[in-house]
Amino acid sequence: MHRYDLPRRSLAYGIAGLAGFVDAAGFLAAGGYFVSFMSGNTTRFGVEAATRPEAALVPILLILCFVSGVTAGAVVADRSERPKSAVLMLSTLLIGVGAAAHALGAIAVFVGMSALAMGAINNAFRREGEVAVGVTYMTGALVRFGQGLAARLTGRQAPGGLAHLLLWASLAAGAVLGAHVTIGLPALAPWIPLVWAAGLCIAARRIERARA
């Protein structure tokens, strides 16, 4: 994270916040399953397989949606001259389809589209074909922050620790906001990420034009 300039770091924070919002909304809509946190769904699959085998299909389907989104986002990024904005445009489209499905009462479609969108959006920051910054999962960010603390305690330089903490904080803040809005304004909640994602898409386009 610390290797990126301020506009790109800000974009990453914005995407992480969006991911937190969408995951919280999806978690509440899906009754305790995740649309971006696939480690959690994997654990849920293990527990369901042991205790309620009939429910084990739900986390598996969400994982398949997420992986399909990652695949689609990677293809779009590979084929676009402006990969960040192209990936965000795809994610915005998927979020929009999900919001429309929610308005029609198709909650399962809303959850599935959210998982697809969150998978795709992980391709917004890539280096040499691989994810450079995980924007929907924060274990790596917290590990790097912890390693940075250890480095400082032992008198070594640790650049980037604060940036990773801010990335986690962005996701946490988005999750808090998403939960509150979903509970308080359930009909409006699916549309907020659509506007949010569209704004990020515009920001990404400006960043790419400036670099070009």
N, C-alpha and C. Protein backbone atom coordinates (compact mmCIF):
# COMPACT_ATOMS: atom_id res chain seq x y z
N MET A 1 0.81 -1.20 0.00
CA MET A 1 0.00 0.00 0.00
C MET A 1 0.85 1.27 0.00
N HIS A 2 1.95 1.28 0.77
CA HIS A 2 2.75 2.50 0.90
C HIS A 2 3.47 2.85 -0.39
N ARG A 3 3.54 1.92 -1.34
CA ARG A 3 4.21 2.21 -2.60
C ARG A 3 3.31 3.00 -3.56
N TYR A 4 2.02 3.04 -3.26
CA TYR A 4 1.09 3.77 -4.12
C TYR A 4 1.03 5.23 -3.73
N ASP A 5 0.73 6.09 -4.71
CA ASP A 5 0.56 7.51 -4.41
C ASP A 5 -0.79 7.71 -3.71
N LEU A 6 -1.02 8.94 -3.23
CA LEU A 6 -2.22 9.23 -2.44
C LEU A 6 -3.51 8.95 -3.20
N PRO A 7 -3.65 9.34 -4.48
CA PRO A 7 -4.91 9.04 -5.18
C PRO A 7 -5.22 7.55 -5.24
N ARG A 8 -4.20 6.72 -5.50
CA ARG A 8 -4.46 5.29 -5.59
C ARG A 8 -4.71 4.67 -4.21
N ARG A 9 -4.02 5.18 -3.18
CA ARG A 9 -4.32 4.70 -1.83
C ARG A 9 -5.75 5.07 -1.45
N SER A 10 -6.14 6.29 -1.79
CA SER A 10 -7.50 6.73 -1.47
C SER A 10 -8.53 5.88 -2.20
N LEU A 11 -8.22 5.51 -3.45
CA LEU A 11 -9.12 4.64 -4.20
C LEU A 11 -9.24 3.28 -3.51
N ALA A 12 -8.12 2.74 -3.04
CA ALA A 12 -8.15 1.45 -2.34
C ALA A 12 -8.98 1.54 -1.06
N TYR A 13 -8.84 2.64 -0.32
CA TYR A 13 -9.64 2.82 0.89
C TYR A 13 -11.13 2.89 0.55
N GLY A 14 -11.43 3.58 -0.54
CA GLY A 14 -12.83 3.68 -0.96
C GLY A 14 -13.42 2.34 -1.35
N ILE A 15 -12.62 1.53 -2.06
CA ILE A 15 -13.09 0.20 -2.45
C ILE A 15 -13.27 -0.69 -1.23
N ALA A 16 -12.34 -0.61 -0.28
CA ALA A 16 -12.46 -1.42 0.93
C ALA A 16 -13.70 -1.02 1.72
N GLY A 17 -13.99 0.28 1.79
CA GLY A 17 -15.20 0.72 2.46
C GLY A 17 -16.45 0.19 1.78
N LEU A 18 -16.46 0.24 0.45
CA LEU A 18 -17.57 -0.31 -0.31
C LEU A 18 -17.74 -1.80 -0.02
N ALA A 19 -16.62 -2.53 0.01
CA ALA A 19 -16.67 -3.97 0.28
C ALA A 19 -17.26 -4.25 1.67
N GLY A 20 -16.88 -3.43 2.66
CA GLY A 20 -17.44 -3.61 3.98
C GLY A 20 -18.94 -3.39 4.00
N PHE A 21 -19.40 -2.35 3.31
CA PHE A 21 -20.83 -2.05 3.23
C PHE A 21 -21.58 -3.21 2.59
N VAL A 22 -21.09 -3.65 1.42
CA VAL A 22 -21.77 -4.72 0.66
C VAL A 22 -21.76 -6.02 1.45
N ASP A 23 -20.64 -6.32 2.12
CA ASP A 23 -20.57 -7.58 2.87
C ASP A 23 -21.53 -7.56 4.06
N ALA A 24 -21.63 -6.43 4.74
CA ALA A 24 -22.56 -6.35 5.87
C ALA A 24 -24.00 -6.48 5.38
N ALA A 25 -24.34 -5.80 4.29
CA ALA A 25 -25.69 -5.89 3.74
C ALA A 25 -25.99 -7.32 3.29
N GLY A 26 -25.02 -7.93 2.62
CA GLY A 26 -25.21 -9.31 2.17
C GLY A 26 -25.31 -10.29 3.32
N PHE A 27 -24.50 -10.07 4.35
CA PHE A 27 -24.52 -10.93 5.53
C PHE A 27 -25.91 -10.93 6.17
N LEU A 28 -26.50 -9.75 6.30
CA LEU A 28 -27.83 -9.66 6.90
C LEU A 28 -28.89 -10.26 5.98
N ALA A 29 -28.76 -10.03 4.67
CA ALA A 29 -29.74 -10.56 3.73
C ALA A 29 -29.66 -12.07 3.61
N ALA A 30 -28.44 -12.61 3.73
CA ALA A 30 -28.23 -14.05 3.54
C ALA A 30 -28.34 -14.84 4.84
N GLY A 31 -28.63 -14.17 5.92
CA GLY A 31 -28.81 -14.89 7.18
C GLY A 31 -27.52 -15.45 7.76
N GLY A 32 -26.43 -14.68 7.65
CA GLY A 32 -25.19 -15.11 8.29
C GLY A 32 -24.14 -15.67 7.36
N TYR A 33 -24.32 -15.50 6.05
CA TYR A 33 -23.30 -15.88 5.09
C TYR A 33 -22.68 -14.60 4.50
N PHE A 34 -21.48 -14.75 3.94
CA PHE A 34 -20.73 -13.59 3.47
C PHE A 34 -20.73 -13.50 1.95
N VAL A 35 -20.63 -12.26 1.44
CA VAL A 35 -20.52 -12.08 -0.01
C VAL A 35 -19.11 -11.67 -0.43
N SER A 36 -18.23 -11.37 0.53
CA SER A 36 -16.84 -11.06 0.16
C SER A 36 -15.82 -11.80 1.01
N PHE A 37 -16.22 -12.32 2.15
CA PHE A 37 -15.29 -12.97 3.07
C PHE A 37 -15.39 -14.49 2.89
N MET A 38 -14.62 -15.03 1.94
CA MET A 38 -14.77 -16.43 1.58
C MET A 38 -14.14 -17.38 2.60
N SER A 39 -13.21 -16.89 3.42
CA SER A 39 -12.70 -17.73 4.51
C SER A 39 -13.83 -18.03 5.49
N GLY A 40 -14.64 -17.01 5.76
CA GLY A 40 -15.79 -17.23 6.64
C GLY A 40 -16.78 -18.21 6.06
N ASN A 41 -17.03 -18.11 4.75
CA ASN A 41 -17.95 -19.06 4.11
C ASN A 41 -17.38 -20.48 4.09
N THR A 42 -16.07 -20.59 3.99
CA THR A 42 -15.44 -21.91 4.02
C THR A 42 -15.63 -22.55 5.39
N THR A 43 -15.46 -21.75 6.45
CA THR A 43 -15.70 -22.26 7.80
C THR A 43 -17.17 -22.62 7.97
N ARG A 44 -18.08 -21.76 7.45
CA ARG A 44 -19.50 -22.08 7.53
C ARG A 44 -19.82 -23.38 6.81
N PHE A 45 -19.16 -23.60 5.66
CA PHE A 45 -19.37 -24.86 4.94
C PHE A 45 -18.96 -26.06 5.80
N GLY A 46 -17.81 -25.95 6.46
CA GLY A 46 -17.36 -27.06 7.31
C GLY A 46 -18.33 -27.34 8.44
N VAL A 47 -18.81 -26.26 9.07
CA VAL A 47 -19.76 -26.43 10.18
C VAL A 47 -21.08 -26.99 9.68
N GLU A 48 -21.57 -26.44 8.56
CA GLU A 48 -22.85 -26.92 8.02
C GLU A 48 -22.74 -28.37 7.57
N ALA A 49 -21.63 -28.73 6.96
CA ALA A 49 -21.46 -30.11 6.50
C ALA A 49 -21.52 -31.09 7.66
N ALA A 50 -21.06 -30.65 8.83
CA ALA A 50 -21.05 -31.53 10.00
C ALA A 50 -22.36 -31.50 10.77
N THR A 51 -23.07 -30.37 10.71
CA THR A 51 -24.26 -30.22 11.55
C THR A 51 -25.57 -30.14 10.77
N ARG A 52 -25.54 -29.51 9.62
CA ARG A 52 -26.74 -29.36 8.79
C ARG A 52 -26.36 -29.55 7.33
N PRO A 53 -26.15 -30.77 6.89
CA PRO A 53 -25.68 -31.01 5.52
C PRO A 53 -26.55 -30.37 4.45
N GLU A 54 -27.84 -30.25 4.72
CA GLU A 54 -28.74 -29.68 3.71
C GLU A 54 -28.45 -28.19 3.47
N ALA A 55 -27.79 -27.53 4.43
CA ALA A 55 -27.48 -26.10 4.28
C ALA A 55 -26.07 -25.86 3.74
N ALA A 56 -25.28 -26.92 3.58
CA ALA A 56 -23.89 -26.75 3.16
C ALA A 56 -23.76 -26.22 1.74
N LEU A 57 -24.82 -26.34 0.94
CA LEU A 57 -24.76 -25.87 -0.44
C LEU A 57 -24.68 -24.34 -0.51
N VAL A 58 -25.25 -23.66 0.46
CA VAL A 58 -25.31 -22.19 0.41
C VAL A 58 -23.91 -21.57 0.37
N PRO A 59 -23.02 -21.87 1.33
CA PRO A 59 -21.68 -21.27 1.25
C PRO A 59 -20.90 -21.70 0.01
N ILE A 60 -21.13 -22.92 -0.45
CA ILE A 60 -20.45 -23.37 -1.67
C ILE A 60 -20.88 -22.54 -2.87
N LEU A 61 -22.18 -22.27 -2.98
CA LEU A 61 -22.67 -21.45 -4.10
C LEU A 61 -22.12 -20.03 -4.03
N LEU A 62 -22.01 -19.49 -2.83
CA LEU A 62 -21.44 -18.15 -2.68
C LEU A 62 -19.97 -18.13 -3.07
N ILE A 63 -19.24 -19.15 -2.69
CA ILE A 63 -17.83 -19.24 -3.08
C ILE A 63 -17.71 -19.34 -4.60
N LEU A 64 -18.58 -20.12 -5.22
CA LEU A 64 -18.56 -20.24 -6.69
C LEU A 64 -18.87 -18.90 -7.35
N CYS A 65 -19.82 -18.15 -6.80
CA CYS A 65 -20.13 -16.83 -7.33
C CYS A 65 -18.94 -15.89 -7.20
N PHE A 66 -18.30 -15.92 -6.05
CA PHE A 66 -17.15 -15.06 -5.81
C PHE A 66 -16.02 -15.39 -6.79
N VAL A 67 -15.71 -16.66 -6.94
CA VAL A 67 -14.63 -17.07 -7.85
C VAL A 67 -14.98 -16.71 -9.29
N SER A 68 -16.25 -16.88 -9.66
CA SER A 68 -16.68 -16.48 -11.00
C SER A 68 -16.49 -14.99 -11.21
N GLY A 69 -16.79 -14.20 -10.18
CA GLY A 69 -16.57 -12.76 -10.27
C GLY A 69 -15.10 -12.41 -10.42
N VAL A 70 -14.25 -13.09 -9.66
CA VAL A 70 -12.81 -12.88 -9.78
C VAL A 70 -12.35 -13.17 -11.21
N THR A 71 -12.83 -14.29 -11.76
CA THR A 71 -12.45 -14.69 -13.11
C THR A 71 -12.89 -13.66 -14.13
N ALA A 72 -14.14 -13.22 -14.03
CA ALA A 72 -14.66 -12.22 -14.96
C ALA A 72 -13.89 -10.91 -14.84
N GLY A 73 -13.60 -10.50 -13.61
CA GLY A 73 -12.85 -9.27 -13.41
C GLY A 73 -11.44 -9.35 -13.97
N ALA A 74 -10.80 -10.51 -13.83
CA ALA A 74 -9.45 -10.69 -14.36
C ALA A 74 -9.44 -10.63 -15.88
N VAL A 75 -10.44 -11.23 -16.50
CA VAL A 75 -10.54 -11.18 -17.96
C VAL A 75 -10.72 -9.74 -18.44
N VAL A 76 -11.61 -9.02 -17.76
CA VAL A 76 -11.86 -7.62 -18.12
C VAL A 76 -10.59 -6.79 -17.94
N ALA A 77 -9.90 -6.99 -16.83
CA ALA A 77 -8.66 -6.24 -16.57
C ALA A 77 -7.59 -6.54 -17.62
N ASP A 78 -7.47 -7.81 -18.00
CA ASP A 78 -6.46 -8.20 -18.97
C ASP A 78 -6.72 -7.59 -20.35
N ARG A 79 -7.99 -7.41 -20.67
CA ARG A 79 -8.34 -6.96 -22.02
C ARG A 79 -8.57 -5.46 -22.12
N SER A 80 -8.43 -4.74 -21.03
CA SER A 80 -8.71 -3.32 -21.04
C SER A 80 -7.43 -2.50 -20.94
N GLU A 81 -7.40 -1.36 -21.62
CA GLU A 81 -6.27 -0.45 -21.49
C GLU A 81 -6.34 0.33 -20.19
N ARG A 82 -7.51 0.39 -19.58
CA ARG A 82 -7.70 1.07 -18.29
C ARG A 82 -8.34 0.08 -17.33
N PRO A 83 -7.54 -0.84 -16.80
CA PRO A 83 -8.10 -1.97 -16.05
C PRO A 83 -8.85 -1.58 -14.79
N LYS A 84 -8.38 -0.57 -14.06
CA LYS A 84 -9.06 -0.21 -12.81
C LYS A 84 -10.49 0.23 -13.07
N SER A 85 -10.66 1.19 -13.98
CA SER A 85 -12.01 1.67 -14.25
C SER A 85 -12.87 0.60 -14.91
N ALA A 86 -12.27 -0.26 -15.73
CA ALA A 86 -13.03 -1.32 -16.36
C ALA A 86 -13.55 -2.33 -15.33
N VAL A 87 -12.69 -2.69 -14.39
CA VAL A 87 -13.10 -3.61 -13.33
C VAL A 87 -14.18 -2.98 -12.46
N LEU A 88 -14.01 -1.72 -12.14
CA LEU A 88 -15.01 -1.05 -11.31
C LEU A 88 -16.32 -0.87 -12.05
N MET A 89 -16.26 -0.69 -13.35
CA MET A 89 -17.48 -0.59 -14.14
C MET A 89 -18.24 -1.92 -14.12
N LEU A 90 -17.50 -3.02 -14.25
CA LEU A 90 -18.12 -4.34 -14.16
C LEU A 90 -18.76 -4.54 -12.80
N SER A 91 -18.05 -4.18 -11.74
CA SER A 91 -18.59 -4.34 -10.40
C SER A 91 -19.83 -3.47 -10.19
N THR A 92 -19.79 -2.26 -10.73
CA THR A 92 -20.95 -1.37 -10.63
C THR A 92 -22.15 -1.98 -11.31
N LEU A 93 -21.95 -2.56 -12.48
CA LEU A 93 -23.04 -3.21 -13.21
C LEU A 93 -23.63 -4.37 -12.40
N LEU A 94 -22.77 -5.20 -11.82
CA LEU A 94 -23.25 -6.33 -11.03
C LEU A 94 -24.00 -5.87 -9.78
N ILE A 95 -23.48 -4.82 -9.14
CA ILE A 95 -24.17 -4.28 -7.97
C ILE A 95 -25.53 -3.72 -8.37
N GLY A 96 -25.61 -3.08 -9.53
CA GLY A 96 -26.87 -2.55 -10.01
C GLY A 96 -27.89 -3.64 -10.27
N VAL A 97 -27.46 -4.74 -10.88
CA VAL A 97 -28.36 -5.87 -11.11
C VAL A 97 -28.86 -6.42 -9.77
N GLY A 98 -27.94 -6.51 -8.80
CA GLY A 98 -28.33 -7.00 -7.49
C GLY A 98 -29.33 -6.08 -6.80
N ALA A 99 -29.13 -4.77 -6.93
CA ALA A 99 -30.05 -3.82 -6.32
C ALA A 99 -31.44 -3.94 -6.94
N ALA A 100 -31.50 -4.08 -8.26
CA ALA A 100 -32.78 -4.25 -8.93
C ALA A 100 -33.46 -5.55 -8.49
N ALA A 101 -32.68 -6.60 -8.35
CA ALA A 101 -33.24 -7.88 -7.89
C ALA A 101 -33.79 -7.75 -6.47
N HIS A 102 -33.08 -7.03 -5.62
CA HIS A 102 -33.55 -6.81 -4.24
C HIS A 102 -34.88 -6.07 -4.24
N ALA A 103 -35.00 -5.06 -5.10
CA ALA A 103 -36.23 -4.28 -5.18
C ALA A 103 -37.41 -5.16 -5.63
N LEU A 104 -37.12 -6.19 -6.41
CA LEU A 104 -38.15 -7.10 -6.90
C LEU A 104 -38.40 -8.26 -5.94
N GLY A 105 -37.66 -8.29 -4.84
CA GLY A 105 -37.85 -9.34 -3.85
C GLY A 105 -37.04 -10.59 -4.09
N ALA A 106 -36.14 -10.55 -5.08
CA ALA A 106 -35.30 -11.72 -5.38
C ALA A 106 -34.01 -11.62 -4.56
N ILE A 107 -34.12 -11.96 -3.27
CA ILE A 107 -33.00 -11.77 -2.36
C ILE A 107 -31.83 -12.68 -2.71
N ALA A 108 -32.11 -13.89 -3.15
CA ALA A 108 -31.03 -14.81 -3.52
C ALA A 108 -30.20 -14.25 -4.67
N VAL A 109 -30.87 -13.63 -5.64
CA VAL A 109 -30.15 -13.03 -6.77
C VAL A 109 -29.32 -11.85 -6.28
N PHE A 110 -29.89 -11.05 -5.38
CA PHE A 110 -29.16 -9.92 -4.80
C PHE A 110 -27.87 -10.39 -4.12
N VAL A 111 -27.97 -11.45 -3.34
CA VAL A 111 -26.80 -11.97 -2.64
C VAL A 111 -25.77 -12.52 -3.63
N GLY A 112 -26.25 -13.24 -4.63
CA GLY A 112 -25.34 -13.81 -5.63
C GLY A 112 -24.63 -12.73 -6.44
N MET A 113 -25.37 -11.70 -6.84
CA MET A 113 -24.76 -10.59 -7.59
C MET A 113 -23.75 -9.84 -6.73
N SER A 114 -24.04 -9.71 -5.45
CA SER A 114 -23.10 -9.04 -4.55
C SER A 114 -21.80 -9.81 -4.47
N ALA A 115 -21.89 -11.14 -4.37
CA ALA A 115 -20.69 -11.97 -4.32
C ALA A 115 -19.90 -11.88 -5.63
N LEU A 116 -20.60 -11.88 -6.75
CA LEU A 116 -19.93 -11.72 -8.05
C LEU A 116 -19.20 -10.38 -8.11
N ALA A 117 -19.87 -9.31 -7.67
CA ALA A 117 -19.27 -7.98 -7.71
C ALA A 117 -18.04 -7.89 -6.82
N MET A 118 -18.11 -8.48 -5.64
CA MET A 118 -16.98 -8.43 -4.73
C MET A 118 -15.81 -9.27 -5.23
N GLY A 119 -16.11 -10.35 -5.92
CA GLY A 119 -15.03 -11.12 -6.53
C GLY A 119 -14.35 -10.31 -7.62
N ALA A 120 -15.15 -9.69 -8.48
CA ALA A 120 -14.60 -8.91 -9.60
C ALA A 120 -13.75 -7.75 -9.12
N ILE A 121 -14.20 -7.08 -8.06
CA ILE A 121 -13.55 -5.84 -7.64
C ILE A 121 -12.14 -6.07 -7.09
N ASN A 122 -11.82 -7.31 -6.75
CA ASN A 122 -10.47 -7.61 -6.26
C ASN A 122 -9.42 -7.47 -7.35
N ASN A 123 -9.86 -7.31 -8.59
CA ASN A 123 -8.91 -7.11 -9.69
C ASN A 123 -8.59 -5.64 -9.92
N ALA A 124 -9.08 -4.76 -9.07
CA ALA A 124 -8.84 -3.33 -9.26
C ALA A 124 -7.36 -2.98 -9.06
N PHE A 125 -6.69 -3.72 -8.19
CA PHE A 125 -5.26 -3.48 -7.95
C PHE A 125 -4.51 -4.77 -8.23
N ARG A 126 -3.88 -4.80 -9.40
CA ARG A 126 -3.14 -6.00 -9.78
C ARG A 126 -1.71 -5.61 -10.17
N ARG A 127 -0.81 -6.56 -10.00
CA ARG A 127 0.57 -6.39 -10.43
C ARG A 127 1.04 -7.70 -11.02
N GLU A 128 1.43 -7.66 -12.31
CA GLU A 128 1.89 -8.85 -13.02
C GLU A 128 0.85 -9.96 -12.97
N GLY A 129 -0.42 -9.58 -13.14
CA GLY A 129 -1.50 -10.56 -13.23
C GLY A 129 -2.01 -11.09 -11.91
N GLU A 130 -1.46 -10.59 -10.79
CA GLU A 130 -1.91 -11.07 -9.48
C GLU A 130 -2.40 -9.90 -8.64
N VAL A 131 -3.26 -10.22 -7.67
CA VAL A 131 -3.80 -9.18 -6.80
C VAL A 131 -2.68 -8.55 -5.98
N ALA A 132 -2.55 -7.22 -6.08
CA ALA A 132 -1.52 -6.51 -5.33
C ALA A 132 -2.06 -6.00 -3.99
N VAL A 133 -3.33 -5.64 -3.96
CA VAL A 133 -3.97 -5.16 -2.74
C VAL A 133 -5.32 -5.86 -2.60
N GLY A 134 -5.48 -6.64 -1.54
CA GLY A 134 -6.76 -7.27 -1.28
C GLY A 134 -7.72 -6.25 -0.69
N VAL A 135 -8.80 -5.96 -1.39
CA VAL A 135 -9.70 -4.90 -0.95
C VAL A 135 -10.98 -5.43 -0.31
N THR A 136 -11.19 -6.74 -0.33
CA THR A 136 -12.39 -7.28 0.31
C THR A 136 -12.05 -8.22 1.47
N TYR A 137 -10.78 -8.47 1.72
CA TYR A 137 -10.37 -9.33 2.84
C TYR A 137 -9.15 -8.69 3.50
N MET A 138 -9.13 -8.69 4.81
CA MET A 138 -8.16 -7.86 5.53
C MET A 138 -7.18 -8.64 6.39
N THR A 139 -7.18 -9.95 6.33
CA THR A 139 -6.22 -10.72 7.14
C THR A 139 -4.79 -10.31 6.79
N GLY A 140 -4.51 -10.21 5.50
CA GLY A 140 -3.16 -9.82 5.07
C GLY A 140 -2.79 -8.43 5.55
N ALA A 141 -3.74 -7.49 5.49
CA ALA A 141 -3.47 -6.13 5.94
C ALA A 141 -3.16 -6.10 7.43
N LEU A 142 -3.92 -6.86 8.21
CA LEU A 142 -3.67 -6.90 9.66
C LEU A 142 -2.34 -7.58 9.98
N VAL A 143 -2.00 -8.62 9.21
CA VAL A 143 -0.71 -9.28 9.40
C VAL A 143 0.43 -8.29 9.13
N ARG A 144 0.32 -7.53 8.04
CA ARG A 144 1.37 -6.57 7.72
C ARG A 144 1.45 -5.47 8.77
N PHE A 145 0.29 -5.06 9.27
CA PHE A 145 0.31 -4.05 10.34
C PHE A 145 0.99 -4.60 11.59
N GLY A 146 0.67 -5.85 11.95
CA GLY A 146 1.31 -6.47 13.10
C GLY A 146 2.81 -6.65 12.92
N GLN A 147 3.21 -7.02 11.70
CA GLN A 147 4.64 -7.15 11.42
C GLN A 147 5.34 -5.80 11.51
N GLY A 148 4.61 -4.74 11.09
CA GLY A 148 5.19 -3.41 11.21
C GLY A 148 5.38 -2.99 12.65
N LEU A 149 4.41 -3.34 13.50
CA LEU A 149 4.55 -3.05 14.92
C LEU A 149 5.76 -3.78 15.51
N ALA A 150 5.92 -5.04 15.11
CA ALA A 150 7.06 -5.82 15.61
C ALA A 150 8.37 -5.19 15.16
N ALA A 151 8.41 -4.71 13.92
CA ALA A 151 9.63 -4.09 13.41
C ALA A 151 9.97 -2.84 14.22
N ARG A 152 8.97 -2.03 14.51
CA ARG A 152 9.22 -0.81 15.28
C ARG A 152 9.66 -1.14 16.70
N LEU A 153 9.08 -2.18 17.29
CA LEU A 153 9.48 -2.57 18.64
C LEU A 153 10.93 -3.04 18.71
N THR A 154 11.41 -3.55 17.58
CA THR A 154 12.79 -4.04 17.55
C THR A 154 13.74 -3.03 16.91
N GLY A 155 13.24 -1.81 16.68
CA GLY A 155 14.09 -0.73 16.19
C GLY A 155 14.34 -0.73 14.70
N ARG A 156 13.53 -1.41 13.93
CA ARG A 156 13.71 -1.44 12.49
C ARG A 156 12.68 -0.54 11.81
N GLN A 157 12.97 -0.15 10.57
CA GLN A 157 12.03 0.64 9.79
C GLN A 157 10.87 -0.24 9.34
N ALA A 158 9.66 0.33 9.34
CA ALA A 158 8.48 -0.45 8.94
C ALA A 158 7.53 0.43 8.14
N PRO A 159 7.88 0.73 6.89
CA PRO A 159 7.00 1.58 6.08
C PRO A 159 5.71 0.84 5.71
N GLY A 160 4.62 1.57 5.70
CA GLY A 160 3.37 1.00 5.20
C GLY A 160 2.45 0.45 6.26
N GLY A 161 2.89 0.37 7.51
CA GLY A 161 2.03 -0.20 8.53
C GLY A 161 0.74 0.58 8.71
N LEU A 162 0.83 1.90 8.74
CA LEU A 162 -0.36 2.74 8.92
C LEU A 162 -1.30 2.61 7.73
N ALA A 163 -0.74 2.52 6.54
CA ALA A 163 -1.58 2.39 5.34
C ALA A 163 -2.42 1.11 5.40
N HIS A 164 -1.84 0.03 5.87
CA HIS A 164 -2.59 -1.23 5.98
C HIS A 164 -3.64 -1.15 7.09
N LEU A 165 -3.32 -0.46 8.17
CA LEU A 165 -4.32 -0.27 9.22
C LEU A 165 -5.51 0.55 8.71
N LEU A 166 -5.21 1.58 7.92
CA LEU A 166 -6.28 2.40 7.35
C LEU A 166 -7.13 1.61 6.36
N LEU A 167 -6.50 0.67 5.65
CA LEU A 167 -7.25 -0.17 4.73
C LEU A 167 -8.26 -1.01 5.51
N TRP A 168 -7.79 -1.63 6.61
CA TRP A 168 -8.70 -2.40 7.46
C TRP A 168 -9.79 -1.51 8.04
N ALA A 169 -9.40 -0.32 8.52
CA ALA A 169 -10.38 0.60 9.11
C ALA A 169 -11.44 1.02 8.10
N SER A 170 -11.05 1.14 6.84
CA SER A 170 -12.01 1.50 5.80
C SER A 170 -13.06 0.41 5.64
N LEU A 171 -12.61 -0.84 5.60
CA LEU A 171 -13.56 -1.94 5.50
C LEU A 171 -14.46 -2.00 6.73
N ALA A 172 -13.88 -1.81 7.92
CA ALA A 172 -14.66 -1.85 9.15
C ALA A 172 -15.70 -0.74 9.18
N ALA A 173 -15.31 0.47 8.77
CA ALA A 173 -16.25 1.59 8.76
C ALA A 173 -17.38 1.34 7.76
N GLY A 174 -17.03 0.79 6.60
CA GLY A 174 -18.05 0.46 5.61
C GLY A 174 -19.01 -0.58 6.13
N ALA A 175 -18.50 -1.57 6.86
CA ALA A 175 -19.37 -2.62 7.42
C ALA A 175 -20.33 -2.06 8.46
N VAL A 176 -19.83 -1.16 9.32
CA VAL A 176 -20.70 -0.54 10.32
C VAL A 176 -21.80 0.27 9.63
N LEU A 177 -21.41 1.06 8.65
CA LEU A 177 -22.39 1.86 7.92
C LEU A 177 -23.40 0.97 7.20
N GLY A 178 -22.89 -0.08 6.54
CA GLY A 178 -23.78 -0.98 5.82
C GLY A 178 -24.78 -1.67 6.71
N ALA A 179 -24.34 -2.08 7.90
CA ALA A 179 -25.26 -2.74 8.83
C ALA A 179 -26.33 -1.77 9.31
N HIS A 180 -25.92 -0.56 9.67
CA HIS A 180 -26.90 0.42 10.17
C HIS A 180 -27.92 0.78 9.09
N VAL A 181 -27.44 1.02 7.87
CA VAL A 181 -28.35 1.41 6.80
C VAL A 181 -29.28 0.25 6.43
N THR A 182 -28.75 -0.96 6.38
CA THR A 182 -29.56 -2.12 6.02
C THR A 182 -30.66 -2.35 7.05
N ILE A 183 -30.35 -2.16 8.31
CA ILE A 183 -31.34 -2.34 9.37
C ILE A 183 -32.35 -1.19 9.39
N GLY A 184 -31.82 0.04 9.23
CA GLY A 184 -32.70 1.20 9.34
C GLY A 184 -33.44 1.56 8.07
N LEU A 185 -32.81 1.36 6.92
CA LEU A 185 -33.40 1.73 5.63
C LEU A 185 -33.22 0.58 4.65
N PRO A 186 -33.87 -0.54 4.87
CA PRO A 186 -33.60 -1.74 4.06
C PRO A 186 -33.88 -1.57 2.57
N ALA A 187 -34.86 -0.75 2.21
CA ALA A 187 -35.16 -0.58 0.79
C ALA A 187 -34.12 0.27 0.08
N LEU A 188 -33.48 1.16 0.83
CA LEU A 188 -32.48 2.05 0.24
C LEU A 188 -31.08 1.44 0.21
N ALA A 189 -30.80 0.56 1.15
CA ALA A 189 -29.44 0.04 1.34
C ALA A 189 -28.81 -0.55 0.08
N PRO A 190 -29.51 -1.32 -0.75
CA PRO A 190 -28.85 -1.89 -1.93
C PRO A 190 -28.43 -0.86 -2.98
N TRP A 191 -29.07 0.33 -2.94
CA TRP A 191 -28.76 1.34 -3.96
C TRP A 191 -27.56 2.20 -3.60
N ILE A 192 -27.25 2.30 -2.32
CA ILE A 192 -26.11 3.12 -1.90
C ILE A 192 -24.80 2.58 -2.48
N PRO A 193 -24.53 1.25 -2.42
CA PRO A 193 -23.30 0.75 -3.05
C PRO A 193 -23.24 1.01 -4.55
N LEU A 194 -24.40 1.09 -5.21
CA LEU A 194 -24.39 1.38 -6.65
C LEU A 194 -23.84 2.78 -6.91
N VAL A 195 -24.31 3.75 -6.15
CA VAL A 195 -23.80 5.12 -6.29
C VAL A 195 -22.34 5.18 -5.88
N TRP A 196 -22.01 4.50 -4.81
CA TRP A 196 -20.63 4.46 -4.29
C TRP A 196 -19.68 3.90 -5.36
N ALA A 197 -20.07 2.75 -5.92
CA ALA A 197 -19.22 2.10 -6.93
C ALA A 197 -19.08 2.97 -8.18
N ALA A 198 -20.16 3.64 -8.57
CA ALA A 198 -20.09 4.52 -9.74
C ALA A 198 -19.12 5.66 -9.49
N GLY A 199 -19.13 6.21 -8.27
CA GLY A 199 -18.19 7.27 -7.91
C GLY A 199 -16.75 6.78 -7.96
N LEU A 200 -16.51 5.56 -7.48
CA LEU A 200 -15.16 4.99 -7.53
C LEU A 200 -14.71 4.76 -8.97
N CYS A 201 -15.67 4.39 -9.81
CA CYS A 201 -15.35 4.17 -11.22
C CYS A 201 -14.88 5.47 -11.87
N ILE A 202 -15.55 6.57 -11.56
CA ILE A 202 -15.15 7.87 -12.09
C ILE A 202 -13.78 8.26 -11.55
N ALA A 203 -13.55 8.03 -10.26
CA ALA A 203 -12.26 8.35 -9.66
C ALA A 203 -11.14 7.55 -10.30
N ALA A 204 -11.39 6.26 -10.55
CA ALA A 204 -10.38 5.41 -11.18
C ALA A 204 -10.06 5.89 -12.59
N ARG A 205 -11.09 6.31 -13.32
CA ARG A 205 -10.86 6.81 -14.67
C ARG A 205 -9.98 8.06 -14.65
N ARG A 206 -10.21 8.94 -13.68
CA ARG A 206 -9.39 10.14 -13.57
C ARG A 206 -7.94 9.80 -13.22
N ILE A 207 -7.75 8.84 -12.34
CA ILE A 207 -6.40 8.42 -11.96
C ILE A 207 -5.67 7.86 -13.17
N GLU A 208 -6.36 7.04 -13.95
CA GLU A 208 -5.73 6.43 -15.12
C GLU A 208 -5.42 7.47 -16.18
N ARG A 209 -6.29 8.45 -16.35
CA ARG A 209 -6.02 9.51 -17.33
C ARG A 209 -4.83 10.35 -16.90
N ALA A 210 -4.73 10.62 -15.59
CA ALA A 210 -3.61 11.42 -15.09
C ALA A 210 -2.29 10.70 -15.28
N ARG A 211 -2.28 9.39 -15.07
CA ARG A 211 -1.06 8.61 -15.24
C ARG A 211 -0.68 8.49 -16.71
N ALA A 212 -1.70 8.44 -17.58
CA ALA A 212 -1.42 8.34 -19.01
C ALA A 212 -0.80 9.63 -19.54
